Amino acid sequence: MTSKQRAYLKSLAMTMDPIFQIGKSSLTPENTRAICEALDARELIKISVLQNCMDDPHELAQIIAERTRSQVVQVIGKKIVLYKEGKDKKKKIELPAAAKK
């Protein structure tokens, strides 16, 4: 993912509300499965890490991205934004083209 594409996804995510919360039980298999299903349906999601979760949001973002085969767009404070390219052409987010050299 290029920096231009990442910036575009960040701009889309600014207006989004988190659709998942990770609490003191941290990351469970059920959470991971639900996040994966949401990524398949939406492509771009925001996750909130609650105050009672003792895990580092950056580490959580990397773990979730590996398990769901997605990409971390950004982690700001306790908010994580993930992107996974969808297979459905109708709902697809059009990323800016990568610069050609």
PDB file of N, CA and C in Angstrom:
ATOM      1  N   MET A   1       0.849  -1.172   0.000  1.00  0.00           N
ATOM      2  CA  MET A   1       0.000   0.000   0.000  1.00  0.00           C
ATOM      3  C   MET A   1       0.897   1.239   0.000  1.00  0.00           C
ATOM      4  N   THR A   2       0.593   2.145  -0.893  1.00  0.00           N
ATOM      5  CA  THR A   2       1.399   3.368  -0.977  1.00  0.00           C
ATOM      6  C   THR A   2       0.937   4.378   0.068  1.00  0.00           C
ATOM      7  N   SER A   3       1.743   5.401   0.293  1.00  0.00           N
ATOM      8  CA  SER A   3       1.374   6.421   1.274  1.00  0.00           C
ATOM      9  C   SER A   3       0.142   7.206   0.809  1.00  0.00           C
ATOM     10  N   LYS A   4      -0.010   7.362  -0.494  1.00  0.00           N
ATOM     11  CA  LYS A   4      -1.179   8.063  -1.027  1.00  0.00           C
ATOM     12  C   LYS A   4      -2.454   7.256  -0.763  1.00  0.00           C
ATOM     13  N   GLN A   5      -2.370   5.950  -0.958  1.00  0.00           N
ATOM     14  CA  GLN A   5      -3.511   5.085  -0.687  1.00  0.00           C
ATOM     15  C   GLN A   5      -3.839   5.065   0.807  1.00  0.00           C
ATOM     16  N   ARG A   6      -2.797   5.004   1.638  1.00  0.00           N
ATOM     17  CA  ARG A   6      -2.994   5.014   3.088  1.00  0.00           C
ATOM     18  C   ARG A   6      -3.655   6.322   3.532  1.00  0.00           C
ATOM     19  N   ALA A   7      -3.213   7.443   2.976  1.00  0.00           N
ATOM     20  CA  ALA A   7      -3.795   8.745   3.315  1.00  0.00           C
ATOM     21  C   ALA A   7      -5.271   8.803   2.914  1.00  0.00           C
ATOM     22  N   TYR A   8      -5.598   8.225   1.763  1.00  0.00           N
ATOM     23  CA  TYR A   8      -6.987   8.199   1.306  1.00  0.00           C
ATOM     24  C   TYR A   8      -7.854   7.384   2.265  1.00  0.00           C
ATOM     25  N   LEU A   9      -7.357   6.222   2.685  1.00  0.00           N
ATOM     26  CA  LEU A   9      -8.110   5.386   3.616  1.00  0.00           C
ATOM     27  C   LEU A   9      -8.259   6.067   4.973  1.00  0.00           C
ATOM     28  N   LYS A  10      -7.213   6.775   5.412  1.00  0.00           N
ATOM     29  CA  LYS A  10      -7.294   7.522   6.677  1.00  0.00           C
ATOM     30  C   LYS A  10      -8.397   8.573   6.599  1.00  0.00           C
ATOM     31  N   SER A  11      -8.488   9.252   5.452  1.00  0.00           N
ATOM     32  CA  SER A  11      -9.514  10.288   5.298  1.00  0.00           C
ATOM     33  C   SER A  11     -10.914   9.677   5.333  1.00  0.00           C
ATOM     34  N   LEU A  12     -11.077   8.488   4.768  1.00  0.00           N
ATOM     35  CA  LEU A  12     -12.382   7.817   4.822  1.00  0.00           C
ATOM     36  C   LEU A  12     -12.711   7.382   6.249  1.00  0.00           C
ATOM     37  N   ALA A  13     -11.694   6.951   6.979  1.00  0.00           N
ATOM     38  CA  ALA A  13     -11.905   6.427   8.329  1.00  0.00           C
ATOM     39  C   ALA A  13     -12.192   7.517   9.352  1.00  0.00           C
ATOM     40  N   MET A  14     -11.834   8.759   9.045  1.00  0.00           N
ATOM     41  CA  MET A  14     -12.034   9.846  10.013  1.00  0.00           C
ATOM     42  C   MET A  14     -13.499  10.013  10.407  1.00  0.00           C
ATOM     43  N   THR A  15     -14.400   9.797   9.474  1.00  0.00           N
ATOM     44  CA  THR A  15     -15.820  10.011   9.743  1.00  0.00           C
ATOM     45  C   THR A  15     -16.521   8.761  10.267  1.00  0.00           C
ATOM     46  N   MET A  16     -15.794   7.646  10.323  1.00  0.00           N
ATOM     47  CA  MET A  16     -16.382   6.380  10.756  1.00  0.00           C
ATOM     48  C   MET A  16     -16.418   6.272  12.278  1.00  0.00           C
ATOM     49  N   ASP A  17     -17.400   5.546  12.772  1.00  0.00           N
ATOM     50  CA  ASP A  17     -17.455   5.191  14.188  1.00  0.00           C
ATOM     51  C   ASP A  17     -16.888   3.781  14.345  1.00  0.00           C
ATOM     52  N   PRO A  18     -16.257   3.491  15.489  1.00  0.00           N
ATOM     53  CA  PRO A  18     -15.767   2.128  15.715  1.00  0.00           C
ATOM     54  C   PRO A  18     -16.928   1.135  15.743  1.00  0.00           C
ATOM     55  N   ILE A  19     -16.738  -0.011  15.113  1.00  0.00           N
ATOM     56  CA  ILE A  19     -17.802  -1.015  15.114  1.00  0.00           C
ATOM     57  C   ILE A  19     -17.469  -2.177  16.044  1.00  0.00           C
ATOM     58  N   PHE A  20     -16.241  -2.217  16.568  1.00  0.00           N
ATOM     59  CA  PHE A  20     -15.837  -3.241  17.530  1.00  0.00           C
ATOM     60  C   PHE A  20     -15.133  -2.600  18.696  1.00  0.00           C
ATOM     61  N   GLN A  21     -15.245  -3.249  19.852  1.00  0.00           N
ATOM     62  CA  GLN A  21     -14.521  -2.821  21.039  1.00  0.00           C
ATOM     63  C   GLN A  21     -13.777  -4.028  21.594  1.00  0.00           C
ATOM     64  N   ILE A  22     -12.535  -3.810  21.953  1.00  0.00           N
ATOM     65  CA  ILE A  22     -11.741  -4.861  22.575  1.00  0.00           C
ATOM     66  C   ILE A  22     -11.548  -4.471  24.034  1.00  0.00           C
ATOM     67  N   GLY A  23     -12.004  -5.334  24.937  1.00  0.00           N
ATOM     68  CA  GLY A  23     -11.978  -5.031  26.358  1.00  0.00           C
ATOM     69  C   GLY A  23     -10.964  -5.850  27.123  1.00  0.00           C
ATOM     70  N   LYS A  24     -11.255  -6.090  28.407  1.00  0.00           N
ATOM     71  CA  LYS A  24     -10.269  -6.727  29.274  1.00  0.00           C
ATOM     72  C   LYS A  24      -9.999  -8.184  28.917  1.00  0.00           C
ATOM     73  N   SER A  25     -10.911  -8.833  28.214  1.00  0.00           N
ATOM     74  CA  SER A  25     -10.642 -10.217  27.788  1.00  0.00           C
ATOM     75  C   SER A  25      -9.734 -10.242  26.561  1.00  0.00           C
ATOM     76  N   SER A  26      -9.336  -9.082  26.092  1.00  0.00           N
ATOM     77  CA  SER A  26      -8.421  -8.895  24.962  1.00  0.00           C
ATOM     78  C   SER A  26      -9.001  -9.510  23.697  1.00  0.00           C
ATOM     79  N   LEU A  27      -8.160 -10.128  22.909  1.00  0.00           N
ATOM     80  CA  LEU A  27      -8.575 -10.644  21.609  1.00  0.00           C
ATOM     81  C   LEU A  27      -8.970 -12.108  21.726  1.00  0.00           C
ATOM     82  N   THR A  28     -10.241 -12.402  21.497  1.00  0.00           N
ATOM     83  CA  THR A  28     -10.737 -13.773  21.562  1.00  0.00           C
ATOM     84  C   THR A  28     -10.950 -14.291  20.140  1.00  0.00           C
ATOM     85  N   PRO A  29     -11.035 -15.604  19.980  1.00  0.00           N
ATOM     86  CA  PRO A  29     -11.318 -16.153  18.640  1.00  0.00           C
ATOM     87  C   PRO A  29     -12.631 -15.630  18.057  1.00  0.00           C
ATOM     88  N   GLU A  30     -13.598 -15.383  18.931  1.00  0.00           N
ATOM     89  CA  GLU A  30     -14.891 -14.856  18.464  1.00  0.00           C
ATOM     90  C   GLU A  30     -14.728 -13.443  17.914  1.00  0.00           C
ATOM     91  N   ASN A  31     -13.926 -12.614  18.623  1.00  0.00           N
ATOM     92  CA  ASN A  31     -13.645 -11.258  18.135  1.00  0.00           C
ATOM     93  C   ASN A  31     -12.983 -11.313  16.765  1.00  0.00           C
ATOM     94  N   THR A  32     -11.978 -12.164  16.647  1.00  0.00           N
ATOM     95  CA  THR A  32     -11.229 -12.271  15.396  1.00  0.00           C
ATOM     96  C   THR A  32     -12.150 -12.687  14.254  1.00  0.00           C
ATOM     97  N   ARG A  33     -13.010 -13.654  14.511  1.00  0.00           N
ATOM     98  CA  ARG A  33     -13.943 -14.131  13.480  1.00  0.00           C
ATOM     99  C   ARG A  33     -14.908 -13.018  13.072  1.00  0.00           C
ATOM    100  N   ALA A  34     -15.427 -12.281  14.046  1.00  0.00           N
ATOM    101  CA  ALA A  34     -16.371 -11.195  13.759  1.00  0.00           C
ATOM    102  C   ALA A  34     -15.684 -10.061  12.992  1.00  0.00           C
ATOM    103  N   ILE A  35     -14.449  -9.752  13.348  1.00  0.00           N
ATOM    104  CA  ILE A  35     -13.694  -8.707  12.645  1.00  0.00           C
ATOM    105  C   ILE A  35     -13.442  -9.124  11.202  1.00  0.00           C
ATOM    106  N   CYS A  36     -13.110 -10.388  11.006  1.00  0.00           N
ATOM    107  CA  CYS A  36     -12.868 -10.896   9.650  1.00  0.00           C
ATOM    108  C   CYS A  36     -14.138 -10.797   8.798  1.00  0.00           C
ATOM    109  N   GLU A  37     -15.279 -11.150   9.374  1.00  0.00           N
ATOM    110  CA  GLU A  37     -16.546 -11.049   8.644  1.00  0.00           C
ATOM    111  C   GLU A  37     -16.880  -9.602   8.314  1.00  0.00           C
ATOM    112  N   ALA A  38     -16.608  -8.691   9.252  1.00  0.00           N
ATOM    113  CA  ALA A  38     -16.872  -7.273   9.014  1.00  0.00           C
ATOM    114  C   ALA A  38     -15.970  -6.732   7.911  1.00  0.00           C
ATOM    115  N   LEU A  39     -14.718  -7.160   7.891  1.00  0.00           N
ATOM    116  CA  LEU A  39     -13.794  -6.720   6.837  1.00  0.00           C
ATOM    117  C   LEU A  39     -14.244  -7.219   5.468  1.00  0.00           C
ATOM    118  N   ASP A  40     -14.758  -8.444   5.419  1.00  0.00           N
ATOM    119  CA  ASP A  40     -15.259  -8.972   4.150  1.00  0.00           C
ATOM    120  C   ASP A  40     -16.460  -8.168   3.664  1.00  0.00           C
ATOM    121  N   ALA A  41     -17.274  -7.699   4.588  1.00  0.00           N
ATOM    122  CA  ALA A  41     -18.478  -6.953   4.216  1.00  0.00           C
ATOM    123  C   ALA A  41     -18.197  -5.486   3.917  1.00  0.00           C
ATOM    124  N   ARG A  42     -17.246  -4.861   4.641  1.00  0.00           N
ATOM    125  CA  ARG A  42     -17.069  -3.408   4.549  1.00  0.00           C
ATOM    126  C   ARG A  42     -15.747  -2.948   3.968  1.00  0.00           C
ATOM    127  N   GLU A  43     -14.720  -3.750   4.000  1.00  0.00           N
ATOM    128  CA  GLU A  43     -13.352  -3.431   3.557  1.00  0.00           C
ATOM    129  C   GLU A  43     -12.585  -2.559   4.535  1.00  0.00           C
ATOM    130  N   LEU A  44     -13.210  -1.539   5.109  1.00  0.00           N
ATOM    131  CA  LEU A  44     -12.527  -0.605   6.003  1.00  0.00           C
ATOM    132  C   LEU A  44     -13.305  -0.529   7.310  1.00  0.00           C
ATOM    133  N   ILE A  45     -12.631  -0.842   8.437  1.00  0.00           N
ATOM    134  CA  ILE A  45     -13.306  -0.797   9.731  1.00  0.00           C
ATOM    135  C   ILE A  45     -12.434  -0.095  10.764  1.00  0.00           C
ATOM    136  N   LYS A  46     -13.108   0.380  11.801  1.00  0.00           N
ATOM    137  CA  LYS A  46     -12.416   1.024  12.925  1.00  0.00           C
ATOM    138  C   LYS A  46     -12.750   0.236  14.184  1.00  0.00           C
ATOM    139  N   ILE A  47     -11.713  -0.008  14.998  1.00  0.00           N
ATOM    140  CA  ILE A  47     -11.849  -0.768  16.231  1.00  0.00           C
ATOM    141  C   ILE A  47     -11.387   0.106  17.385  1.00  0.00           C
ATOM    142  N   SER A  48     -12.115   0.056  18.478  1.00  0.00           N
ATOM    143  CA  SER A  48     -11.760   0.813  19.677  1.00  0.00           C
ATOM    144  C   SER A  48     -11.221  -0.152  20.727  1.00  0.00           C
ATOM    145  N   VAL A  49     -10.070   0.182  21.322  1.00  0.00           N
ATOM    146  CA  VAL A  49      -9.502  -0.599  22.411  1.00  0.00           C
ATOM    147  C   VAL A  49      -9.877   0.118  23.705  1.00  0.00           C
ATOM    148  N   LEU A  50     -10.606  -0.570  24.566  1.00  0.00           N
ATOM    149  CA  LEU A  50     -11.099   0.051  25.797  1.00  0.00           C
ATOM    150  C   LEU A  50      -9.981   0.246  26.816  1.00  0.00           C
ATOM    151  N   GLN A  51     -10.226   1.120  27.790  1.00  0.00           N
ATOM    152  CA  GLN A  51      -9.237   1.448  28.813  1.00  0.00           C
ATOM    153  C   GLN A  51      -8.852   0.227  29.656  1.00  0.00           C
ATOM    154  N   ASN A  52      -9.794  -0.703  29.859  1.00  0.00           N
ATOM    155  CA  ASN A  52      -9.503  -1.853  30.708  1.00  0.00           C
ATOM    156  C   ASN A  52      -8.732  -2.955  29.987  1.00  0.00           C
ATOM    157  N   CYS A  53      -8.397  -2.765  28.728  1.00  0.00           N
ATOM    158  CA  CYS A  53      -7.565  -3.716  27.982  1.00  0.00           C
ATOM    159  C   CYS A  53      -6.106  -3.336  28.220  1.00  0.00           C
ATOM    160  N   MET A  54      -5.338  -4.262  28.748  1.00  0.00           N
ATOM    161  CA  MET A  54      -3.945  -3.978  29.111  1.00  0.00           C
ATOM    162  C   MET A  54      -2.971  -4.166  27.950  1.00  0.00           C
ATOM    163  N   ASP A  55      -3.441  -4.661  26.810  1.00  0.00           N
ATOM    164  CA  ASP A  55      -2.563  -4.883  25.657  1.00  0.00           C
ATOM    165  C   ASP A  55      -2.293  -3.579  24.918  1.00  0.00           C
ATOM    166  N   ASP A  56      -1.142  -3.512  24.279  1.00  0.00           N
ATOM    167  CA  ASP A  56      -0.760  -2.348  23.484  1.00  0.00           C
ATOM    168  C   ASP A  56      -1.568  -2.336  22.187  1.00  0.00           C
ATOM    169  N   PRO A  57      -2.222  -1.223  21.851  1.00  0.00           N
ATOM    170  CA  PRO A  57      -3.022  -1.160  20.616  1.00  0.00           C
ATOM    171  C   PRO A  57      -2.211  -1.447  19.347  1.00  0.00           C
ATOM    172  N   HIS A  58      -0.939  -1.047  19.311  1.00  0.00           N
ATOM    173  CA  HIS A  58      -0.110  -1.317  18.130  1.00  0.00           C
ATOM    174  C   HIS A  58       0.117  -2.822  17.955  1.00  0.00           C
ATOM    175  N   GLU A  59       0.378  -3.512  19.058  1.00  0.00           N
ATOM    176  CA  GLU A  59       0.560  -4.967  18.993  1.00  0.00           C
ATOM    177  C   GLU A  59      -0.742  -5.662  18.614  1.00  0.00           C
ATOM    178  N   LEU A  60      -1.848  -5.210  19.206  1.00  0.00           N
ATOM    179  CA  LEU A  60      -3.153  -5.784  18.864  1.00  0.00           C
ATOM    180  C   LEU A  60      -3.453  -5.613  17.380  1.00  0.00           C
ATOM    181  N   ALA A  61      -3.145  -4.433  16.844  1.00  0.00           N
ATOM    182  CA  ALA A  61      -3.406  -4.162  15.430  1.00  0.00           C
ATOM    183  C   ALA A  61      -2.630  -5.138  14.546  1.00  0.00           C
ATOM    184  N   GLN A  62      -1.366  -5.381  14.876  1.00  0.00           N
ATOM    185  CA  GLN A  62      -0.549  -6.309  14.089  1.00  0.00           C
ATOM    186  C   GLN A  62      -1.090  -7.735  14.174  1.00  0.00           C
ATOM    187  N   ILE A  63      -1.500  -8.144  15.370  1.00  0.00           N
ATOM    188  CA  ILE A  63      -2.039  -9.499  15.555  1.00  0.00           C
ATOM    189  C   ILE A  63      -3.336  -9.667  14.774  1.00  0.00           C
ATOM    190  N   ILE A  64      -4.227  -8.690  14.874  1.00  0.00           N
ATOM    191  CA  ILE A  64      -5.503  -8.763  14.152  1.00  0.00           C
ATOM    192  C   ILE A  64      -5.254  -8.790  12.647  1.00  0.00           C
ATOM    193  N   ALA A  65      -4.334  -7.955  12.163  1.00  0.00           N
ATOM    194  CA  ALA A  65      -4.037  -7.903  10.732  1.00  0.00           C
ATOM    195  C   ALA A  65      -3.510  -9.243  10.234  1.00  0.00           C
ATOM    196  N   GLU A  66      -2.648  -9.886  11.015  1.00  0.00           N
ATOM    197  CA  GLU A  66      -2.123 -11.199  10.613  1.00  0.00           C
ATOM    198  C   GLU A  66      -3.231 -12.243  10.565  1.00  0.00           C
ATOM    199  N   ARG A  67      -4.076 -12.251  11.590  1.00  0.00           N
ATOM    200  CA  ARG A  67      -5.126 -13.273  11.677  1.00  0.00           C
ATOM    201  C   ARG A  67      -6.234 -13.077  10.655  1.00  0.00           C
ATOM    202  N   THR A  68      -6.490 -11.841  10.249  1.00  0.00           N
ATOM    203  CA  THR A  68      -7.571 -11.573   9.296  1.00  0.00           C
ATOM    204  C   THR A  68      -7.051 -11.326   7.879  1.00  0.00           C
ATOM    205  N   ARG A  69      -5.751 -11.382   7.704  1.00  0.00           N
ATOM    206  CA  ARG A  69      -5.093 -11.119   6.402  1.00  0.00           C
ATOM    207  C   ARG A  69      -5.472  -9.735   5.874  1.00  0.00           C
ATOM    208  N   SER A  70      -5.433  -8.748   6.765  1.00  0.00           N
ATOM    209  CA  SER A  70      -5.749  -7.373   6.398  1.00  0.00           C
ATOM    210  C   SER A  70      -4.519  -6.499   6.600  1.00  0.00           C
ATOM    211  N   GLN A  71      -4.675  -5.205   6.378  1.00  0.00           N
ATOM    212  CA  GLN A  71      -3.573  -4.258   6.535  1.00  0.00           C
ATOM    213  C   GLN A  71      -3.955  -3.207   7.566  1.00  0.00           C
ATOM    214  N   VAL A  72      -2.985  -2.839   8.394  1.00  0.00           N
ATOM    215  CA  VAL A  72      -3.207  -1.781   9.371  1.00  0.00           C
ATOM    216  C   VAL A  72      -3.051  -0.454   8.647  1.00  0.00           C
ATOM    217  N   VAL A  73      -4.090   0.357   8.651  1.00  0.00           N
ATOM    218  CA  VAL A  73      -4.033   1.682   8.038  1.00  0.00           C
ATOM    219  C   VAL A  73      -3.403   2.657   9.014  1.00  0.00           C
ATOM    220  N   GLN A  74      -3.902   2.645  10.266  1.00  0.00           N
ATOM    221  CA  GLN A  74      -3.336   3.525  11.282  1.00  0.00           C
ATOM    222  C   GLN A  74      -3.770   3.080  12.668  1.00  0.00           C
ATOM    223  N   VAL A  75      -2.986   3.479  13.650  1.00  0.00           N
ATOM    224  CA  VAL A  75      -3.337   3.303  15.048  1.00  0.00           C
ATOM    225  C   VAL A  75      -3.115   4.655  15.702  1.00  0.00           C
ATOM    226  N   ILE A  76      -4.189   5.252  16.190  1.00  0.00           N
ATOM    227  CA  ILE A  76      -4.086   6.538  16.888  1.00  0.00           C
ATOM    228  C   ILE A  76      -4.680   6.338  18.272  1.00  0.00           C
ATOM    229  N   GLY A  77      -3.848   6.505  19.290  1.00  0.00           N
ATOM    230  CA  GLY A  77      -4.320   6.299  20.656  1.00  0.00           C
ATOM    231  C   GLY A  77      -4.824   4.888  20.817  1.00  0.00           C
ATOM    232  N   LYS A  78      -6.111   4.754  21.086  1.00  0.00           N
ATOM    233  CA  LYS A  78      -6.710   3.430  21.275  1.00  0.00           C
ATOM    234  C   LYS A  78      -7.691   3.090  20.150  1.00  0.00           C
ATOM    235  N   LYS A  79      -7.479   3.691  18.988  1.00  0.00           N
ATOM    236  CA  LYS A  79      -8.312   3.410  17.811  1.00  0.00           C
ATOM    237  C   LYS A  79      -7.440   2.741  16.740  1.00  0.00           C
ATOM    238  N   ILE A  80      -7.964   1.666  16.165  1.00  0.00           N
ATOM    239  CA  ILE A  80      -7.272   0.917  15.123  1.00  0.00           C
ATOM    240  C   ILE A  80      -8.122   0.968  13.865  1.00  0.00           C
ATOM    241  N   VAL A  81      -7.491   1.238  12.728  1.00  0.00           N
ATOM    242  CA  VAL A  81      -8.191   1.221  11.440  1.00  0.00           C
ATOM    243  C   VAL A  81      -7.548   0.135  10.580  1.00  0.00           C
ATOM    244  N   LEU A  82      -8.392  -0.777  10.074  1.00  0.00           N
ATOM    245  CA  LEU A  82      -7.920  -1.889   9.246  1.00  0.00           C
ATOM    246  C   LEU A  82      -8.584  -1.852   7.878  1.00  0.00           C
ATOM    247  N   TYR A  83      -7.837  -2.328   6.874  1.00  0.00           N
ATOM    248  CA  TYR A  83      -8.357  -2.404   5.507  1.00  0.00           C
ATOM    249  C   TYR A  83      -8.053  -3.781   4.935  1.00  0.00           C
ATOM    250  N   LYS A  84      -9.044  -4.336   4.263  1.00  0.00           N
ATOM    251  CA  LYS A  84      -8.865  -5.594   3.542  1.00  0.00           C
ATOM    252  C   LYS A  84      -9.613  -5.478   2.231  1.00  0.00           C
ATOM    253  N   GLU A  85      -8.907  -5.667   1.146  1.00  0.00           N
ATOM    254  CA  GLU A  85      -9.529  -5.538  -0.168  1.00  0.00           C
ATOM    255  C   GLU A  85     -10.620  -6.582  -0.325  1.00  0.00           C
ATOM    256  N   GLY A  86     -11.790  -6.116  -0.739  1.00  0.00           N
ATOM    257  CA  GLY A  86     -12.944  -6.999  -0.879  1.00  0.00           C
ATOM    258  C   GLY A  86     -13.017  -7.649  -2.244  1.00  0.00           C
ATOM    259  N   LYS A  87     -13.824  -8.690  -2.313  1.00  0.00           N
ATOM    260  CA  LYS A  87     -13.990  -9.408  -3.577  1.00  0.00           C
ATOM    261  C   LYS A  87     -15.194  -8.904  -4.363  1.00  0.00           C
ATOM    262  N   ASP A  88     -16.143  -8.256  -3.677  1.00  0.00           N
ATOM    263  CA  ASP A  88     -17.362  -7.755  -4.311  1.00  0.00           C
ATOM    264  C   ASP A  88     -17.059  -6.452  -5.044  1.00  0.00           C
ATOM    265  N   LYS A  89     -17.279  -6.430  -6.323  1.00  0.00           N
ATOM    266  CA  LYS A  89     -16.958  -5.257  -7.144  1.00  0.00           C
ATOM    267  C   LYS A  89     -17.867  -4.064  -6.841  1.00  0.00           C
ATOM    268  N   LYS A  90     -19.108  -4.314  -6.415  1.00  0.00           N
ATOM    269  CA  LYS A  90     -20.060  -3.228  -6.178  1.00  0.00           C
ATOM    270  C   LYS A  90     -19.687  -2.376  -4.980  1.00  0.00           C
ATOM    271  N   LYS A  91     -19.204  -2.991  -3.904  1.00  0.00           N
ATOM    272  CA  LYS A  91     -18.908  -2.269  -2.676  1.00  0.00           C
ATOM    273  C   LYS A  91     -17.440  -1.865  -2.565  1.00  0.00           C
ATOM    274  N   LYS A  92     -16.682  -2.069  -3.584  1.00  0.00           N
ATOM    275  CA  LYS A  92     -15.236  -1.888  -3.545  1.00  0.00           C
ATOM    276  C   LYS A  92     -14.843  -0.423  -3.355  1.00  0.00           C
ATOM    277  N   ILE A  93     -13.874  -0.187  -2.470  1.00  0.00           N
ATOM    278  CA  ILE A  93     -13.303   1.147  -2.285  1.00  0.00           C
ATOM    279  C   ILE A  93     -12.246   1.329  -3.360  1.00  0.00           C
ATOM    280  N   GLU A  94     -12.362   2.396  -4.135  1.00  0.00           N
ATOM    281  CA  GLU A  94     -11.390   2.659  -5.188  1.00  0.00           C
ATOM    282  C   GLU A  94     -10.195   3.416  -4.605  1.00  0.00           C
ATOM    283  N   LEU A  95      -9.062   2.737  -4.532  1.00  0.00           N
ATOM    284  CA  LEU A  95      -7.846   3.368  -4.037  1.00  0.00           C
ATOM    285  C   LEU A  95      -7.171   4.155  -5.158  1.00  0.00           C
ATOM    286  N   PRO A  96      -6.483   5.249  -4.827  1.00  0.00           N
ATOM    287  CA  PRO A  96      -5.731   5.969  -5.857  1.00  0.00           C
ATOM    288  C   PRO A  96      -4.675   5.045  -6.457  1.00  0.00           C
ATOM    289  N   ALA A  97      -4.396   5.225  -7.728  1.00  0.00           N
ATOM    290  CA  ALA A  97      -3.409   4.386  -8.405  1.00  0.00           C
ATOM    291  C   ALA A  97      -2.025   4.644  -7.841  1.00  0.00           C
ATOM    292  N   ALA A  98      -1.216   3.603  -7.813  1.00  0.00           N
ATOM    293  CA  ALA A  98       0.154   3.747  -7.344  1.00  0.00           C
ATOM    294  C   ALA A  98       0.959   4.514  -8.396  1.00  0.00           C
ATOM    295  N   ALA A  99       1.860   5.337  -7.936  1.00  0.00           N
ATOM    296  CA  ALA A  99       2.700   6.125  -8.853  1.00  0.00           C
ATOM    297  C   ALA A  99       3.624   5.204  -9.626  1.00  0.00           C
ATOM    298  N   LYS A 100       3.708   5.412 -10.919  1.00  0.00           N
ATOM    299  CA  LYS A 100       4.570   4.591 -11.757  1.00  0.00           C
ATOM    300  C   LYS A 100       5.921   5.256 -11.907  1.00  0.00           C
ATOM    301  N   LYS A 101       6.966   4.422 -11.867  1.00  0.00           N
ATOM    302  CA  LYS A 101       8.327   4.966 -11.992  1.00  0.00           C
ATOM    303  C   LYS A 101       8.915   4.632 -13.337  1.00  0.00           C
TER     304      LYS A 101
END
